[in-house]
Amino acid sequence: MADVDNNAVILGAICTYVAVMIAIGVWAARKVKNNHDFMLAGQRLGRLVLTGTLLATWTGAGTIIGRASFSYTYGPLASIFYSLGAPVGILVMYLFLARRVRQWGKYTVPEIMESRYGPSVRLVTAFAILLAYTGIMSEQVRGLGYILHLTTGFPEEVAKLAGLAVIVFLAFSGGLISVAYTDAISALLITVALVGGFVFVLVGVGGFGGLAASLPADHMTWSGGLSPIQMVGYVLPTLLLILGDQNMYQRFSAAQTPEIAKKSTLGFLAGDVLFYGAVIVLASGAAVLLPGIAPDTAILRLATDTLPVAFGALLLMAGTAFIITTGNSYLLSAAGNLVHDIHRSLTRREHSAPRELLLTRIAIVALGLFAYAIGEFFPSVLEIQVFSYTMYGAVVTPSLLAVFLWKRATSAGAIASIITGIVATVGWEFVLDKPFDWNSVLVSLPLALLALVGVSLATTPRPDPTAAATPPAESS
């Protein structure tokens, strides 16, 4: 009876959170006048809101479920190594990218690519991002389905469809205005929940010493039983995704000024380290307190089976926040690619502001359904995460970074790199079925880089590439 009462409290807390998010979505919908408001929030985001939306967007089901699954399976030390990709990438954004991206002020990454390489690269890039982002969205749908299934007892498929409906609604209603403000609130909630859960679990396992003594021996090594090359295969996808992630670029473009865009990365870095540290301890503690459960559900089962009901409710609210904010962010971003990059490039037609906004909202619904279908092909959230991050990081990021860092890159080189990355990733994952149990990034990234450099050196750049790749000067 107590378990039923606890689940009712937790479900009530989650429903309250979702209701607040929906109310914000309805409010934000009234603020949207055109696609500029919808996609870039009118470039009105201040530092605190921008920091919150960066953090909440990045830490979704891939963190609360995928990263927790890795920590539960391989241990805390291997998880620290696995988690290095994001902090390193954020530092690179602070030093080299955030300010410049805001100066461009583009809606999408393919727009940036077109400025340097031409319209053909814009179209190819948009297709590649759609492939990656539908996978990432499917992570969020499955993750929210897990939470609703655990707290309501509904069949998992019904729970996933309910989660999909919430994610689609928030992206559909207010665009980035809705997403940014719900993200900022969620980031605060997530911080409180993870820190509280971290303290409770650490006390429950007898501190760091008790945790280390209770874990299997191979969980207390830096490899967790994986080979060095397998570990690199887990680190690289995260690093490559965050360096080129359109969601990050879109949020920098939505900042009030280039300086705010740059400074927001410092809070993003601090929050990322805090969140990852808490997730590592929570999931490793679950390996001690709840042995034998499905790794994907490590933190979720802590909330329902181990923590006091108040902490459990808060932690699952935070998990819901993680997933919803990330899901609607990637959904909004992918819809921008479909309408702004692919549809416009293929039809060569300019639409009125109301029609373009309508097309973007239709795209959000269609992509949400497609993401749900894609998720059925993968056995776990961690598997989806690694594939999707590789599909973006190894396919898009090399040519994108070359826009800023290598003037000799050419259109032919970018196209060759993107196509090579897609073929190598899909072939390694689905045709060859991951030989040696290596993640596909270990193969697709070197091949994509080789294609970019080799074909670029063998072809002629577009006229005056320096001028084409220079963002507009910051206004005073």
Protein backbone atom coordinates (compact mmCIF):
# COMPACT_ATOMS: atom_id res chain seq x y z
CA MET A 1 0.00 0.00 0.00
CA ALA A 2 2.86 2.34 0.85
CA ASP A 3 4.40 1.76 -2.59
CA VAL A 4 1.09 2.64 -4.24
CA ASP A 5 0.85 5.84 -2.17
CA ASN A 6 4.44 6.76 -2.99
CA ASN A 7 3.87 6.23 -6.71
CA ALA A 8 0.75 8.38 -6.51
CA VAL A 9 2.76 11.21 -4.91
CA ILE A 10 5.51 10.88 -7.53
CA LEU A 11 3.00 10.78 -10.38
CA GLY A 12 1.24 13.85 -8.97
CA ALA A 13 4.54 15.73 -8.83
CA ILE A 14 5.37 14.82 -12.43
CA CYS A 15 1.91 15.81 -13.63
CA THR A 16 2.24 19.16 -11.83
CA TYR A 17 5.59 19.80 -13.53
CA VAL A 18 4.20 18.88 -16.96
CA ALA A 19 1.17 21.13 -16.39
CA VAL A 20 3.44 24.08 -15.57
CA MET A 21 5.51 23.43 -18.71
CA ILE A 22 2.36 23.27 -20.84
CA ALA A 23 1.13 26.55 -19.32
CA ILE A 24 4.43 28.18 -20.26
CA GLY A 25 4.06 26.78 -23.77
CA VAL A 26 0.60 28.35 -24.09
CA TRP A 27 1.94 31.68 -22.79
CA ALA A 28 4.90 31.55 -25.18
CA ALA A 29 2.67 30.80 -28.15
CA ARG A 30 1.10 34.23 -27.70
CA LYS A 31 4.55 35.85 -27.94
CA VAL A 32 5.36 34.29 -31.31
CA LYS A 33 4.73 36.67 -34.20
CA ASN A 34 6.96 35.16 -36.90
CA ASN A 35 9.56 32.47 -37.56
CA HIS A 36 12.34 34.70 -36.15
CA ASP A 37 10.58 34.65 -32.78
CA PHE A 38 9.83 30.94 -33.15
CA MET A 39 13.36 29.82 -34.07
CA LEU A 40 15.60 32.38 -32.26
CA ALA A 41 13.30 33.82 -29.55
CA GLY A 42 13.72 37.22 -31.22
CA GLN A 43 17.40 37.18 -30.13
CA ARG A 44 16.31 38.32 -26.67
CA LEU A 45 17.88 35.70 -24.38
CA GLY A 46 19.91 37.03 -21.45
CA ARG A 47 22.82 35.27 -19.78
CA LEU A 48 20.91 33.36 -17.06
CA VAL A 49 18.18 32.08 -19.37
CA LEU A 50 20.74 31.23 -22.06
CA THR A 51 22.89 29.31 -19.57
CA GLY A 52 19.85 27.41 -18.32
CA THR A 53 18.64 26.48 -21.79
CA LEU A 54 22.12 25.35 -22.89
CA LEU A 55 22.43 23.13 -19.83
CA ALA A 56 18.92 21.67 -19.87
CA THR A 57 19.02 21.05 -23.63
CA TRP A 58 22.32 19.18 -23.45
CA THR A 59 21.46 16.99 -20.46
CA GLY A 60 18.51 14.88 -21.59
CA ALA A 61 17.76 11.17 -21.70
CA GLY A 62 21.33 10.62 -22.87
CA THR A 63 22.42 11.76 -19.38
CA ILE A 64 19.71 10.56 -17.00
CA ILE A 65 19.39 7.19 -18.78
CA GLY A 66 22.23 6.62 -21.28
CA ARG A 67 25.08 7.94 -19.16
CA ALA A 68 23.57 6.39 -16.05
CA SER A 69 23.42 3.06 -17.89
CA PHE A 70 27.14 3.34 -18.67
CA SER A 71 27.99 4.19 -15.04
CA TYR A 72 25.86 1.33 -13.71
CA THR A 73 27.52 -1.12 -16.12
CA TYR A 74 31.17 -0.02 -16.09
CA GLY A 75 31.66 1.92 -12.85
CA PRO A 76 32.42 5.50 -11.74
CA LEU A 77 36.05 5.82 -12.87
CA ALA A 78 35.35 4.71 -16.44
CA SER A 79 32.37 7.08 -16.39
CA ILE A 80 34.61 10.03 -15.52
CA PHE A 81 36.71 9.28 -18.58
CA TYR A 82 33.57 8.78 -20.67
CA SER A 83 32.24 12.17 -19.53
CA LEU A 84 35.30 14.21 -20.56
CA GLY A 85 33.98 14.92 -24.06
CA ALA A 86 31.40 17.53 -23.09
CA PRO A 87 33.56 19.70 -20.77
CA VAL A 88 36.39 19.75 -23.31
CA GLY A 89 33.93 20.70 -26.04
CA ILE A 90 32.41 23.50 -23.93
CA LEU A 91 35.87 24.96 -23.31
CA VAL A 92 36.51 25.01 -27.05
CA MET A 93 33.18 26.79 -27.58
CA TYR A 94 34.11 29.39 -24.96
CA LEU A 95 37.53 30.04 -26.47
CA PHE A 96 36.74 29.92 -30.18
CA LEU A 97 33.11 29.49 -31.20
CA ALA A 98 30.31 30.99 -29.06
CA ARG A 99 30.98 34.66 -29.82
CA ARG A 100 31.49 34.06 -33.54
CA VAL A 101 28.35 31.96 -33.86
CA ARG A 102 26.27 34.82 -32.36
CA GLN A 103 27.82 37.22 -34.84
CA TRP A 104 26.55 35.03 -37.67
CA GLY A 105 23.00 35.00 -36.20
CA LYS A 106 21.84 32.12 -38.40
CA TYR A 107 18.80 29.92 -37.81
CA THR A 108 20.56 26.64 -38.62
CA VAL A 109 23.97 25.02 -39.09
CA PRO A 110 23.30 24.32 -42.81
CA GLU A 111 22.95 28.11 -43.29
CA ILE A 112 26.45 28.54 -41.88
CA MET A 113 27.71 25.78 -44.16
CA GLU A 114 26.12 27.45 -47.19
CA SER A 115 27.88 30.73 -46.40
CA ARG A 116 31.20 28.97 -46.79
CA TYR A 117 30.58 26.08 -49.17
CA GLY A 118 27.46 26.91 -51.21
CA PRO A 119 23.84 25.69 -51.44
CA SER A 120 24.58 22.04 -52.30
CA VAL A 121 26.42 21.55 -48.98
CA ARG A 122 23.54 23.20 -47.12
CA LEU A 123 21.12 20.59 -48.46
CA VAL A 124 23.37 17.58 -47.74
CA THR A 125 24.11 18.87 -44.23
CA ALA A 126 20.40 19.30 -43.47
CA PHE A 127 19.67 15.68 -44.42
CA ALA A 128 22.54 14.46 -42.23
CA ILE A 129 21.29 16.47 -39.24
CA LEU A 130 17.78 15.10 -39.66
CA LEU A 131 19.13 11.54 -39.49
CA ALA A 132 21.04 12.31 -36.30
CA TYR A 133 18.38 14.38 -34.58
CA THR A 134 15.53 11.93 -35.11
CA GLY A 135 17.69 9.38 -33.28
CA ILE A 136 18.34 11.80 -30.41
CA MET A 137 14.62 12.63 -30.22
CA SER A 138 13.79 8.94 -30.05
CA GLU A 139 16.01 8.72 -26.93
CA GLN A 140 13.82 11.29 -25.23
CA VAL A 141 10.56 9.57 -26.20
CA ARG A 142 11.79 6.25 -24.83
CA GLY A 143 13.16 7.88 -21.67
CA LEU A 144 9.92 9.68 -20.86
CA GLY A 145 8.06 6.45 -21.57
CA TYR A 146 10.22 4.71 -18.95
CA ILE A 147 9.28 7.31 -16.33
CA LEU A 148 5.57 7.25 -17.08
CA HIS A 149 5.58 3.44 -17.19
CA LEU A 150 7.25 3.20 -13.76
CA THR A 151 4.95 5.72 -12.10
CA THR A 152 1.61 4.88 -13.72
CA GLY A 153 1.88 1.21 -14.57
CA PHE A 154 0.66 1.99 -18.09
CA PRO A 155 2.05 -0.27 -20.83
CA GLU A 156 5.37 1.08 -22.02
CA GLU A 157 4.13 1.78 -25.55
CA VAL A 158 1.20 3.82 -24.21
CA ALA A 159 3.58 5.70 -21.89
CA LYS A 160 5.93 6.48 -24.79
CA LEU A 161 3.08 7.88 -26.88
CA ALA A 162 1.99 10.09 -23.97
CA GLY A 163 5.57 11.33 -23.60
CA LEU A 164 5.76 12.03 -27.32
CA ALA A 165 2.57 14.12 -27.14
CA VAL A 166 4.01 16.35 -24.39
CA ILE A 167 7.34 16.86 -26.19
CA VAL A 168 5.63 17.69 -29.49
CA PHE A 169 3.18 20.12 -27.86
CA LEU A 170 5.87 22.23 -26.19
CA ALA A 171 7.93 22.52 -29.38
CA PHE A 172 4.77 23.13 -31.45
CA SER A 173 3.33 25.89 -29.29
CA GLY A 174 5.94 28.51 -28.48
CA GLY A 175 9.10 27.51 -30.35
CA LEU A 176 12.38 28.65 -28.77
CA ILE A 177 10.63 31.15 -26.49
CA SER A 178 8.75 28.28 -24.86
CA VAL A 179 11.76 25.96 -24.92
CA ALA A 180 14.22 28.49 -23.46
CA TYR A 181 12.08 29.45 -20.46
CA THR A 182 11.00 25.90 -19.65
CA ASP A 183 14.67 24.93 -19.94
CA ALA A 184 15.75 27.58 -17.44
CA ILE A 185 13.15 26.44 -14.89
CA SER A 186 14.04 22.81 -15.49
CA ALA A 187 17.77 23.48 -15.03
CA LEU A 188 17.09 24.83 -11.53
CA LEU A 189 14.87 21.86 -10.67
CA ILE A 190 17.44 19.40 -12.02
CA THR A 191 20.23 20.98 -9.96
CA VAL A 192 18.29 20.71 -6.68
CA ALA A 193 17.14 17.13 -7.38
CA LEU A 194 20.54 15.78 -8.42
CA VAL A 195 22.40 17.37 -5.51
CA GLY A 196 19.80 16.10 -3.02
CA GLY A 197 19.80 12.60 -4.48
CA PHE A 198 23.60 12.60 -4.61
CA VAL A 199 23.86 13.32 -0.88
CA PHE A 200 21.24 10.74 0.11
CA VAL A 201 22.71 7.92 -1.98
CA LEU A 202 26.25 8.68 -0.88
CA VAL A 203 25.20 8.46 2.77
CA GLY A 204 23.27 5.26 2.03
CA VAL A 205 26.32 3.44 0.60
CA GLY A 206 28.71 4.66 3.33
CA GLY A 207 30.39 7.55 1.50
CA PHE A 208 32.91 7.29 -1.31
CA GLY A 209 34.86 4.65 0.61
CA GLY A 210 31.80 2.48 1.10
CA LEU A 211 30.83 2.87 -2.55
CA ALA A 212 34.29 1.82 -3.73
CA ALA A 213 34.36 -1.17 -1.38
CA SER A 214 30.91 -2.37 -2.47
CA LEU A 215 31.44 -2.26 -6.23
CA PRO A 216 32.97 -5.14 -8.22
CA ALA A 217 36.72 -4.87 -8.77
CA ASP A 218 36.47 -4.11 -12.50
CA HIS A 219 34.06 -1.24 -11.71
CA MET A 220 36.88 0.52 -9.86
CA THR A 221 39.26 0.68 -12.84
CA TRP A 222 39.59 3.50 -15.36
CA SER A 223 38.53 1.20 -18.17
CA GLY A 224 35.62 -0.61 -16.49
CA GLY A 225 36.67 -3.72 -18.35
CA LEU A 226 36.63 -2.01 -21.76
CA SER A 227 39.68 -1.84 -24.01
CA PRO A 228 41.31 1.59 -24.53
CA ILE A 229 40.00 1.84 -28.09
CA GLN A 230 36.48 0.96 -26.93
CA MET A 231 36.69 3.76 -24.36
CA VAL A 232 37.77 6.23 -27.04
CA GLY A 233 34.77 5.05 -29.05
CA TYR A 234 32.50 6.22 -26.23
CA VAL A 235 34.26 9.56 -25.59
CA LEU A 236 34.51 10.85 -29.16
CA PRO A 237 30.79 10.96 -30.10
CA THR A 238 29.96 13.31 -27.21
CA LEU A 239 32.90 15.61 -27.92
CA LEU A 240 32.12 15.78 -31.62
CA LEU A 241 28.40 16.35 -31.12
CA ILE A 242 28.76 19.24 -28.70
CA LEU A 243 31.34 20.96 -30.91
CA GLY A 244 28.92 21.03 -33.83
CA ASP A 245 25.49 20.68 -32.21
CA GLN A 246 22.98 22.88 -34.00
CA ASN A 247 21.05 23.33 -30.74
CA MET A 248 24.08 24.97 -29.15
CA TYR A 249 24.65 27.18 -32.20
CA GLN A 250 20.98 28.13 -32.33
CA ARG A 251 21.03 29.21 -28.70
CA PHE A 252 24.18 31.25 -29.14
CA SER A 253 22.46 32.94 -32.10
CA ALA A 254 19.48 33.74 -29.84
CA ALA A 255 21.63 35.61 -27.28
CA GLN A 256 21.18 39.34 -26.84
CA THR A 257 24.84 39.98 -27.69
CA PRO A 258 27.97 38.02 -28.72
CA GLU A 259 29.48 38.67 -25.29
CA ILE A 260 26.48 37.11 -23.53
CA ALA A 261 26.78 34.10 -25.85
CA LYS A 262 30.42 33.62 -24.83
CA LYS A 263 29.97 34.14 -21.09
CA SER A 264 27.01 31.78 -20.91
CA THR A 265 29.34 28.88 -21.68
CA LEU A 266 31.05 29.28 -18.28
CA GLY A 267 27.83 28.57 -16.39
CA PHE A 268 27.14 25.79 -18.88
CA LEU A 269 30.51 24.21 -18.06
CA ALA A 270 30.01 24.41 -14.29
CA GLY A 271 26.52 22.91 -14.52
CA ASP A 272 27.66 20.16 -16.86
CA VAL A 273 30.40 19.02 -14.47
CA LEU A 274 27.97 19.14 -11.52
CA PHE A 275 25.29 17.16 -13.36
CA TYR A 276 27.63 14.50 -14.69
CA GLY A 277 29.27 14.04 -11.29
CA ALA A 278 25.91 13.58 -9.60
CA VAL A 279 24.68 11.12 -12.25
CA ILE A 280 27.87 9.03 -11.92
CA VAL A 281 27.45 8.73 -8.15
CA LEU A 282 23.70 8.04 -8.37
CA ALA A 283 24.07 5.32 -11.01
CA SER A 284 27.08 3.72 -9.27
CA GLY A 285 25.12 3.78 -6.03
CA ALA A 286 22.24 2.05 -7.82
CA ALA A 287 24.65 -0.74 -8.81
CA VAL A 288 25.21 -1.34 -5.08
CA LEU A 289 21.67 -0.75 -3.79
CA LEU A 290 19.74 -2.28 -6.72
CA PRO A 291 21.88 -4.98 -8.36
CA GLY A 292 20.47 -6.82 -11.34
CA ILE A 293 18.07 -4.17 -12.64
CA ALA A 294 18.03 -2.96 -16.28
CA PRO A 295 20.92 -0.44 -16.55
CA ASP A 296 18.73 2.01 -18.49
CA THR A 297 16.49 2.38 -15.41
CA ALA A 298 19.25 2.84 -12.78
CA ILE A 299 18.40 6.36 -11.65
CA LEU A 300 14.68 5.95 -12.24
CA ARG A 301 14.53 2.87 -10.02
CA LEU A 302 16.50 4.69 -7.32
CA ALA A 303 13.72 7.28 -7.29
CA THR A 304 10.88 4.76 -7.04
CA ASP A 305 12.50 2.00 -4.92
CA THR A 306 15.14 3.53 -2.66
CA LEU A 307 14.91 7.26 -2.04
CA PRO A 308 12.40 8.88 0.35
CA VAL A 309 9.25 9.81 -1.53
CA ALA A 310 10.05 13.55 -1.55
CA PHE A 311 13.51 12.98 -3.07
CA GLY A 312 12.13 10.33 -5.40
CA ALA A 313 9.43 12.68 -6.68
CA LEU A 314 11.95 15.48 -7.14
CA LEU A 315 14.41 13.22 -8.94
CA LEU A 316 11.78 11.90 -11.36
CA MET A 317 10.53 15.42 -11.93
CA ALA A 318 14.12 16.29 -12.79
CA GLY A 319 14.35 13.28 -15.09
CA THR A 320 11.16 14.39 -16.80
CA ALA A 321 12.61 17.88 -17.09
CA PHE A 322 15.83 16.52 -18.62
CA ILE A 323 13.93 14.60 -21.23
CA ILE A 324 11.19 17.05 -22.18
CA THR A 325 13.51 20.02 -22.57
CA THR A 326 16.00 18.09 -24.68
CA GLY A 327 13.29 16.43 -26.76
CA ASN A 328 11.47 19.60 -27.73
CA SER A 329 14.75 21.42 -28.40
CA TYR A 330 15.98 18.81 -30.87
CA LEU A 331 12.52 18.57 -32.40
CA LEU A 332 12.36 22.32 -32.94
CA SER A 333 15.85 22.38 -34.38
CA ALA A 334 15.21 19.51 -36.81
CA ALA A 335 11.96 21.11 -37.97
CA GLY A 336 13.96 24.22 -38.82
CA ASN A 337 16.23 22.09 -41.01
CA LEU A 338 13.30 20.47 -42.78
CA VAL A 339 11.52 23.74 -43.57
CA HIS A 340 14.26 26.35 -43.67
CA ASP A 341 16.99 24.30 -45.36
CA ILE A 342 15.48 21.35 -47.25
CA HIS A 343 12.02 22.60 -48.29
CA ARG A 344 13.24 26.07 -49.22
CA SER A 345 16.24 24.72 -51.12
CA LEU A 346 14.19 22.21 -53.12
CA THR A 347 11.21 24.45 -53.93
CA ARG A 348 13.17 27.72 -54.39
CA ARG A 349 10.14 29.52 -53.00
CA GLU A 350 9.89 32.25 -50.40
CA HIS A 351 6.89 31.89 -48.08
CA SER A 352 5.08 34.52 -46.07
CA ALA A 353 5.92 34.62 -42.36
CA PRO A 354 2.61 32.97 -41.27
CA ARG A 355 2.97 30.18 -43.84
CA GLU A 356 6.59 29.46 -42.88
CA LEU A 357 5.55 29.29 -39.23
CA LEU A 358 2.73 26.87 -40.14
CA LEU A 359 5.13 24.66 -42.14
CA THR A 360 7.54 24.55 -39.19
CA ARG A 361 4.78 23.42 -36.85
CA ILE A 362 3.62 20.72 -39.28
CA ALA A 363 7.24 19.53 -39.54
CA ILE A 364 7.44 19.26 -35.73
CA VAL A 365 4.50 16.84 -35.64
CA ALA A 366 5.81 14.75 -38.54
CA LEU A 367 9.33 14.50 -37.13
CA GLY A 368 8.01 13.56 -33.69
CA LEU A 369 6.20 10.58 -35.17
CA PHE A 370 9.26 9.62 -37.21
CA ALA A 371 11.47 9.75 -34.09
CA TYR A 372 9.07 7.42 -32.29
CA ALA A 373 9.38 4.90 -35.13
CA ILE A 374 13.20 5.14 -35.29
CA GLY A 375 13.52 4.27 -31.60
CA GLU A 376 12.02 0.84 -32.17
CA PHE A 377 15.20 -0.29 -33.99
CA PHE A 378 17.54 0.06 -30.97
CA PRO A 379 17.72 -2.13 -27.85
CA SER A 380 18.63 0.64 -25.37
CA VAL A 381 18.94 4.39 -24.92
CA LEU A 382 22.74 4.09 -24.71
CA GLU A 383 22.80 2.39 -28.13
CA ILE A 384 20.64 5.15 -29.65
CA GLN A 385 22.81 7.81 -28.02
CA VAL A 386 26.13 6.54 -29.36
CA PHE A 387 24.76 6.02 -32.89
CA SER A 388 23.01 9.42 -33.07
CA TYR A 389 25.97 11.34 -31.64
CA THR A 390 28.25 9.64 -34.15
CA MET A 391 25.86 10.34 -37.02
CA TYR A 392 26.14 14.03 -36.18
CA GLY A 393 29.66 14.33 -34.81
CA ALA A 394 31.53 12.30 -37.43
CA VAL A 395 29.33 13.44 -40.34
CA VAL A 396 28.66 17.16 -39.77
CA THR A 397 31.19 18.47 -37.23
CA PRO A 398 34.43 18.11 -39.28
CA SER A 399 33.17 20.27 -42.17
CA LEU A 400 31.45 22.70 -39.78
CA LEU A 401 34.59 23.32 -37.72
CA ALA A 402 36.50 23.81 -40.97
CA VAL A 403 34.25 26.82 -41.66
CA PHE A 404 35.89 28.55 -38.70
CA LEU A 405 39.30 26.90 -38.55
CA TRP A 406 40.50 25.83 -42.04
CA LYS A 407 40.23 28.21 -44.97
CA ARG A 408 41.37 25.61 -47.52
CA ALA A 409 38.27 23.39 -47.11
CA THR A 410 36.15 23.21 -50.28
CA SER A 411 32.56 22.41 -51.17
CA ALA A 412 33.57 19.11 -52.78
CA GLY A 413 35.57 18.20 -49.67
CA ALA A 414 32.63 18.96 -47.37
CA ILE A 415 30.19 16.89 -49.45
CA ALA A 416 32.65 13.99 -49.68
CA SER A 417 33.20 14.12 -45.91
CA ILE A 418 29.47 14.15 -45.07
CA ILE A 419 28.57 11.33 -47.45
CA THR A 420 31.55 9.24 -46.34
CA GLY A 421 30.59 9.70 -42.70
CA ILE A 422 26.98 8.64 -43.30
CA VAL A 423 27.93 5.55 -45.30
CA ALA A 424 30.62 4.50 -42.83
CA THR A 425 28.39 4.97 -39.76
CA VAL A 426 25.37 3.15 -41.20
CA GLY A 427 27.52 0.43 -42.75
CA TRP A 428 29.49 -0.26 -39.57
CA GLU A 429 26.41 -0.26 -37.33
CA PHE A 430 23.83 -2.08 -39.45
CA VAL A 431 25.59 -3.89 -42.30
CA LEU A 432 28.68 -5.15 -40.46
CA ASP A 433 27.00 -5.19 -37.00
CA LYS A 434 29.83 -3.41 -35.12
CA PRO A 435 32.89 -5.67 -35.62
CA PHE A 436 35.17 -6.02 -32.54
CA ASP A 437 32.35 -4.32 -30.58
CA TRP A 438 33.81 -0.95 -31.65
CA ASN A 439 31.50 2.03 -31.88
CA SER A 440 31.23 3.36 -35.42
CA VAL A 441 32.92 6.70 -34.64
CA LEU A 442 36.28 4.90 -34.60
CA VAL A 443 35.83 4.16 -38.30
CA SER A 444 33.59 6.93 -39.62
CA LEU A 445 35.51 9.89 -38.13
CA PRO A 446 38.93 9.04 -39.66
CA LEU A 447 37.30 8.30 -43.03
CA ALA A 448 35.27 11.53 -42.94
CA LEU A 449 38.37 13.59 -42.05
CA LEU A 450 40.40 11.88 -44.77
CA ALA A 451 37.69 12.66 -47.33
CA LEU A 452 37.48 16.30 -46.20
CA VAL A 453 41.22 16.92 -46.35
CA GLY A 454 42.00 14.81 -49.42
CA VAL A 455 39.20 16.08 -51.65
CA SER A 456 39.67 19.70 -50.47
CA LEU A 457 43.34 19.65 -51.37
CA ALA A 458 42.50 18.15 -54.76
CA THR A 459 39.83 20.74 -55.62
CA THR A 460 39.57 24.51 -55.90
CA PRO A 461 37.93 26.54 -53.11
CA ARG A 462 35.06 28.90 -53.84
CA PRO A 463 36.16 32.45 -54.72
CA ASP A 464 37.35 34.49 -51.74
CA PRO A 465 36.53 31.89 -49.06
CA THR A 466 37.88 34.13 -46.29
CA ALA A 467 35.29 36.79 -46.99
CA ALA A 468 32.54 34.22 -47.32
CA ALA A 469 33.43 32.58 -44.02
CA THR A 470 33.79 35.82 -42.00
CA PRO A 471 30.75 36.60 -39.87
CA PRO A 472 29.37 40.12 -39.87
CA ALA A 473 31.05 42.53 -37.52
CA GLU A 474 29.47 43.06 -34.13
CA SER A 475 27.48 46.25 -33.96
CA SER A 476 28.39 48.69 -31.29
